[in-house]
Amino acid sequence: MAASDDVLPFERVQLGVRMEKRMVKVLKGLAEFNGVSLGELLEKIVLHSFDPVEGEEGEACASPHSKAALAAIADLKRVYGMDYEVHATRYFTKNRTRPTR
């Protein structure tokens, strides 16, 4: 980690990505809740996902979200109808259907 006086060189690039609509609404709401841009929020989430919990490498990673942010996420998911969890993403691919239970 760089000292607080150091500036890390970086260059941001524009991405053209597609994401599930309700998820994007929740992310935008969370970015607003945190007072950051959507890009900054995504960078923070990705960087934390690269940071494993010591002793649980490959099984768990650090969360960038506070308890207040997690409560806001739950509210935003409810408001925007994001009624799926992390493992649902395997069904987002075209031509795949979600199995019935």
N, C-alpha and C. Protein backbone atom coordinates (compact mmCIF):
# COMPACT_ATOMS: atom_id res chain seq x y z
N MET A 1 0.85 -1.18 0.00
CA MET A 1 0.00 0.00 0.00
C MET A 1 0.89 1.23 0.00
N ALA A 2 0.52 2.21 -0.76
CA ALA A 2 1.30 3.43 -0.86
C ALA A 2 1.05 4.32 0.35
N ALA A 3 2.04 5.12 0.71
CA ALA A 3 1.87 6.09 1.79
C ALA A 3 0.82 7.11 1.37
N SER A 4 0.23 7.77 2.35
CA SER A 4 -0.85 8.70 2.05
C SER A 4 -0.40 9.85 1.16
N ASP A 5 0.90 10.18 1.16
CA ASP A 5 1.40 11.26 0.31
C ASP A 5 1.63 10.80 -1.13
N ASP A 6 1.72 9.51 -1.34
CA ASP A 6 1.98 8.97 -2.68
C ASP A 6 0.69 8.97 -3.50
N VAL A 7 0.85 9.18 -4.78
CA VAL A 7 -0.27 9.09 -5.70
C VAL A 7 0.01 7.92 -6.63
N LEU A 8 -0.91 6.99 -6.66
CA LEU A 8 -0.75 5.84 -7.54
C LEU A 8 -1.14 6.24 -8.96
N PRO A 9 -0.30 5.92 -9.93
CA PRO A 9 -0.67 6.24 -11.31
C PRO A 9 -1.75 5.27 -11.79
N PHE A 10 -2.78 5.80 -12.40
CA PHE A 10 -3.81 4.94 -12.97
C PHE A 10 -4.48 5.66 -14.11
N GLU A 11 -5.09 4.87 -14.96
CA GLU A 11 -5.83 5.41 -16.11
C GLU A 11 -7.16 4.68 -16.17
N ARG A 12 -8.23 5.42 -16.14
CA ARG A 12 -9.56 4.82 -16.24
C ARG A 12 -9.94 4.71 -17.71
N VAL A 13 -10.67 3.66 -18.04
CA VAL A 13 -11.15 3.44 -19.39
C VAL A 13 -12.66 3.29 -19.37
N GLN A 14 -13.28 3.60 -20.48
CA GLN A 14 -14.73 3.46 -20.61
C GLN A 14 -15.05 2.00 -20.92
N LEU A 15 -16.05 1.45 -20.24
CA LEU A 15 -16.46 0.07 -20.48
C LEU A 15 -17.84 0.05 -21.12
N GLY A 16 -18.03 -0.90 -21.96
CA GLY A 16 -19.36 -1.15 -22.51
C GLY A 16 -19.79 -2.51 -22.02
N VAL A 17 -20.53 -2.54 -20.93
CA VAL A 17 -20.95 -3.81 -20.36
C VAL A 17 -22.47 -3.85 -20.25
N ARG A 18 -22.99 -5.05 -20.22
CA ARG A 18 -24.42 -5.24 -20.02
C ARG A 18 -24.61 -5.93 -18.68
N MET A 19 -25.56 -5.41 -17.91
CA MET A 19 -25.87 -5.99 -16.61
C MET A 19 -27.38 -6.05 -16.46
N GLU A 20 -27.83 -6.91 -15.58
CA GLU A 20 -29.26 -7.05 -15.31
C GLU A 20 -29.80 -5.72 -14.78
N LYS A 21 -30.92 -5.29 -15.31
CA LYS A 21 -31.48 -3.96 -15.08
C LYS A 21 -31.72 -3.65 -13.61
N ARG A 22 -32.31 -4.56 -12.86
CA ARG A 22 -32.59 -4.29 -11.44
C ARG A 22 -31.30 -4.17 -10.65
N MET A 23 -30.30 -4.97 -11.02
CA MET A 23 -29.01 -4.91 -10.34
C MET A 23 -28.37 -3.53 -10.55
N VAL A 24 -28.46 -3.01 -11.76
CA VAL A 24 -27.90 -1.69 -12.06
C VAL A 24 -28.60 -0.62 -11.23
N LYS A 25 -29.91 -0.71 -11.10
CA LYS A 25 -30.65 0.26 -10.28
C LYS A 25 -30.19 0.21 -8.83
N VAL A 26 -30.00 -1.00 -8.31
CA VAL A 26 -29.52 -1.14 -6.93
C VAL A 26 -28.12 -0.56 -6.80
N LEU A 27 -27.24 -0.85 -7.76
CA LEU A 27 -25.88 -0.31 -7.73
C LEU A 27 -25.87 1.22 -7.79
N LYS A 28 -26.69 1.80 -8.65
CA LYS A 28 -26.76 3.26 -8.75
C LYS A 28 -27.27 3.85 -7.43
N GLY A 29 -28.27 3.22 -6.84
CA GLY A 29 -28.79 3.69 -5.55
C GLY A 29 -27.74 3.58 -4.46
N LEU A 30 -26.96 2.51 -4.46
CA LEU A 30 -25.91 2.33 -3.47
C LEU A 30 -24.79 3.34 -3.67
N ALA A 31 -24.45 3.61 -4.92
CA ALA A 31 -23.43 4.63 -5.20
C ALA A 31 -23.89 5.98 -4.66
N GLU A 32 -25.15 6.31 -4.90
CA GLU A 32 -25.69 7.57 -4.37
C GLU A 32 -25.67 7.58 -2.85
N PHE A 33 -26.06 6.45 -2.24
CA PHE A 33 -26.05 6.32 -0.78
C PHE A 33 -24.64 6.58 -0.23
N ASN A 34 -23.62 6.07 -0.93
CA ASN A 34 -22.23 6.22 -0.51
C ASN A 34 -21.59 7.53 -0.96
N GLY A 35 -22.29 8.30 -1.79
CA GLY A 35 -21.75 9.57 -2.27
C GLY A 35 -20.59 9.42 -3.24
N VAL A 36 -20.62 8.36 -4.04
CA VAL A 36 -19.57 8.12 -5.02
C VAL A 36 -20.21 7.86 -6.38
N SER A 37 -19.38 7.86 -7.42
CA SER A 37 -19.89 7.53 -8.75
C SER A 37 -20.08 6.02 -8.86
N LEU A 38 -20.84 5.61 -9.85
CA LEU A 38 -21.04 4.18 -10.09
C LEU A 38 -19.71 3.50 -10.38
N GLY A 39 -18.86 4.15 -11.17
CA GLY A 39 -17.54 3.58 -11.48
C GLY A 39 -16.69 3.39 -10.23
N GLU A 40 -16.70 4.38 -9.34
CA GLU A 40 -15.93 4.27 -8.09
C GLU A 40 -16.46 3.13 -7.23
N LEU A 41 -17.78 2.99 -7.16
CA LEU A 41 -18.37 1.90 -6.39
C LEU A 41 -17.95 0.55 -6.96
N LEU A 42 -18.01 0.40 -8.27
CA LEU A 42 -17.62 -0.87 -8.90
C LEU A 42 -16.15 -1.17 -8.68
N GLU A 43 -15.29 -0.14 -8.77
CA GLU A 43 -13.87 -0.35 -8.50
C GLU A 43 -13.67 -0.86 -7.07
N LYS A 44 -14.36 -0.24 -6.12
CA LYS A 44 -14.24 -0.64 -4.71
C LYS A 44 -14.70 -2.09 -4.51
N ILE A 45 -15.82 -2.45 -5.11
CA ILE A 45 -16.33 -3.81 -4.98
C ILE A 45 -15.35 -4.81 -5.57
N VAL A 46 -14.83 -4.51 -6.75
CA VAL A 46 -13.90 -5.42 -7.41
C VAL A 46 -12.61 -5.55 -6.60
N LEU A 47 -12.06 -4.43 -6.15
CA LEU A 47 -10.83 -4.50 -5.36
C LEU A 47 -11.02 -5.32 -4.09
N HIS A 48 -12.15 -5.16 -3.42
CA HIS A 48 -12.41 -5.95 -2.21
C HIS A 48 -12.62 -7.43 -2.55
N SER A 49 -13.19 -7.71 -3.72
CA SER A 49 -13.38 -9.11 -4.10
C SER A 49 -12.05 -9.80 -4.38
N PHE A 50 -11.01 -9.02 -4.66
CA PHE A 50 -9.67 -9.56 -4.88
C PHE A 50 -8.91 -9.77 -3.58
N ASP A 51 -9.44 -9.28 -2.47
CA ASP A 51 -8.77 -9.30 -1.17
C ASP A 51 -9.33 -10.45 -0.33
N PRO A 52 -8.66 -11.60 -0.30
CA PRO A 52 -9.21 -12.74 0.42
C PRO A 52 -9.15 -12.56 1.93
N VAL A 53 -10.09 -13.21 2.60
CA VAL A 53 -10.06 -13.26 4.05
C VAL A 53 -8.95 -14.24 4.43
N GLU A 54 -8.02 -13.80 5.25
CA GLU A 54 -6.89 -14.64 5.62
C GLU A 54 -7.37 -15.96 6.22
N GLY A 55 -6.82 -17.05 5.71
CA GLY A 55 -7.20 -18.38 6.17
C GLY A 55 -8.37 -18.97 5.41
N GLU A 56 -9.05 -18.14 4.61
CA GLU A 56 -10.20 -18.61 3.83
C GLU A 56 -10.03 -18.25 2.36
N GLU A 57 -8.78 -18.20 1.90
CA GLU A 57 -8.48 -17.85 0.53
C GLU A 57 -9.27 -18.75 -0.43
N GLY A 58 -9.92 -18.15 -1.38
CA GLY A 58 -10.72 -18.90 -2.34
C GLY A 58 -12.12 -19.21 -1.85
N GLU A 59 -12.39 -18.95 -0.58
CA GLU A 59 -13.71 -19.24 0.00
C GLU A 59 -14.44 -17.97 0.43
N ALA A 60 -13.69 -16.94 0.80
CA ALA A 60 -14.30 -15.71 1.28
C ALA A 60 -13.43 -14.53 0.91
N CYS A 61 -14.06 -13.38 0.74
CA CYS A 61 -13.31 -12.16 0.45
C CYS A 61 -13.84 -11.03 1.33
N ALA A 62 -13.11 -9.96 1.38
CA ALA A 62 -13.47 -8.81 2.20
C ALA A 62 -14.69 -8.12 1.60
N SER A 63 -15.55 -7.58 2.46
CA SER A 63 -16.71 -6.83 1.99
C SER A 63 -16.46 -5.34 2.16
N PRO A 64 -16.76 -4.55 1.14
CA PRO A 64 -16.58 -3.11 1.27
C PRO A 64 -17.78 -2.42 1.92
N HIS A 65 -18.81 -3.19 2.29
CA HIS A 65 -20.07 -2.60 2.73
C HIS A 65 -20.19 -2.58 4.25
N SER A 66 -20.57 -1.44 4.78
CA SER A 66 -20.83 -1.30 6.21
C SER A 66 -22.20 -1.90 6.52
N LYS A 67 -22.52 -2.00 7.81
CA LYS A 67 -23.85 -2.50 8.19
C LYS A 67 -24.94 -1.59 7.65
N ALA A 68 -24.70 -0.28 7.69
CA ALA A 68 -25.68 0.67 7.15
C ALA A 68 -25.85 0.49 5.65
N ALA A 69 -24.75 0.28 4.93
CA ALA A 69 -24.82 0.07 3.49
C ALA A 69 -25.53 -1.24 3.17
N LEU A 70 -25.28 -2.29 3.96
CA LEU A 70 -25.97 -3.57 3.73
C LEU A 70 -27.48 -3.42 3.93
N ALA A 71 -27.88 -2.63 4.92
CA ALA A 71 -29.31 -2.36 5.13
C ALA A 71 -29.88 -1.59 3.95
N ALA A 72 -29.11 -0.61 3.44
CA ALA A 72 -29.55 0.15 2.27
C ALA A 72 -29.66 -0.76 1.06
N ILE A 73 -28.73 -1.69 0.89
CA ILE A 73 -28.77 -2.64 -0.23
C ILE A 73 -30.05 -3.47 -0.14
N ALA A 74 -30.37 -3.97 1.03
CA ALA A 74 -31.59 -4.77 1.20
C ALA A 74 -32.82 -3.95 0.83
N ASP A 75 -32.87 -2.68 1.25
CA ASP A 75 -33.99 -1.81 0.90
C ASP A 75 -34.04 -1.56 -0.61
N LEU A 76 -32.89 -1.26 -1.21
CA LEU A 76 -32.85 -1.00 -2.65
C LEU A 76 -33.27 -2.24 -3.44
N LYS A 77 -32.84 -3.42 -3.01
CA LYS A 77 -33.23 -4.66 -3.70
C LYS A 77 -34.74 -4.83 -3.64
N ARG A 78 -35.33 -4.53 -2.49
CA ARG A 78 -36.78 -4.64 -2.34
C ARG A 78 -37.49 -3.63 -3.25
N VAL A 79 -37.04 -2.37 -3.22
CA VAL A 79 -37.66 -1.31 -4.02
C VAL A 79 -37.60 -1.62 -5.51
N TYR A 80 -36.46 -2.13 -5.99
CA TYR A 80 -36.28 -2.37 -7.42
C TYR A 80 -36.58 -3.80 -7.84
N GLY A 81 -37.09 -4.61 -6.93
CA GLY A 81 -37.50 -5.96 -7.29
C GLY A 81 -36.36 -6.89 -7.63
N MET A 82 -35.19 -6.64 -7.07
CA MET A 82 -34.05 -7.54 -7.30
C MET A 82 -34.20 -8.72 -6.35
N ASP A 83 -34.95 -9.71 -6.80
CA ASP A 83 -35.35 -10.82 -5.93
C ASP A 83 -34.52 -12.07 -6.16
N TYR A 84 -33.26 -11.88 -6.48
CA TYR A 84 -32.37 -13.02 -6.68
C TYR A 84 -31.07 -12.77 -5.93
N GLU A 85 -30.34 -13.83 -5.73
CA GLU A 85 -29.09 -13.74 -4.97
C GLU A 85 -27.90 -14.08 -5.87
N VAL A 86 -26.74 -14.22 -5.26
CA VAL A 86 -25.47 -14.36 -5.97
C VAL A 86 -25.44 -15.54 -6.95
N HIS A 87 -26.02 -16.65 -6.61
CA HIS A 87 -25.93 -17.83 -7.47
C HIS A 87 -26.89 -17.79 -8.65
N ALA A 88 -27.78 -16.81 -8.68
CA ALA A 88 -28.71 -16.68 -9.80
C ALA A 88 -28.00 -16.25 -11.08
N THR A 89 -26.81 -15.67 -10.96
CA THR A 89 -26.12 -15.18 -12.15
C THR A 89 -25.81 -16.27 -13.15
N ARG A 90 -25.76 -17.51 -12.71
CA ARG A 90 -25.50 -18.60 -13.66
C ARG A 90 -26.64 -18.76 -14.65
N TYR A 91 -27.80 -18.16 -14.37
CA TYR A 91 -28.95 -18.26 -15.26
C TYR A 91 -29.11 -17.04 -16.15
N PHE A 92 -28.17 -16.08 -16.08
CA PHE A 92 -28.28 -14.86 -16.85
C PHE A 92 -27.87 -15.06 -18.31
N THR A 93 -27.20 -16.14 -18.63
CA THR A 93 -26.72 -16.38 -19.98
C THR A 93 -27.90 -16.69 -20.89
N LYS A 94 -27.87 -16.11 -22.10
CA LYS A 94 -28.93 -16.39 -23.07
C LYS A 94 -29.00 -17.89 -23.35
N ASN A 95 -30.19 -18.33 -23.68
CA ASN A 95 -30.47 -19.72 -24.03
C ASN A 95 -30.39 -20.67 -22.85
N ARG A 96 -30.22 -20.14 -21.67
CA ARG A 96 -30.29 -20.98 -20.48
C ARG A 96 -31.60 -20.67 -19.77
N THR A 97 -32.20 -21.67 -19.27
CA THR A 97 -33.43 -21.44 -18.52
C THR A 97 -33.20 -21.88 -17.08
N ARG A 98 -33.89 -21.25 -16.21
CA ARG A 98 -33.77 -21.58 -14.79
C ARG A 98 -34.54 -22.88 -14.54
N PRO A 99 -33.92 -23.86 -13.90
CA PRO A 99 -34.63 -25.11 -13.65
C PRO A 99 -35.78 -24.89 -12.67
N THR A 100 -36.83 -25.63 -12.86
CA THR A 100 -37.97 -25.55 -11.94
C THR A 100 -37.68 -26.43 -10.75
N ARG A 101 -38.21 -26.03 -9.64
CA ARG A 101 -38.00 -26.81 -8.41
C ARG A 101 -39.25 -27.51 -8.00
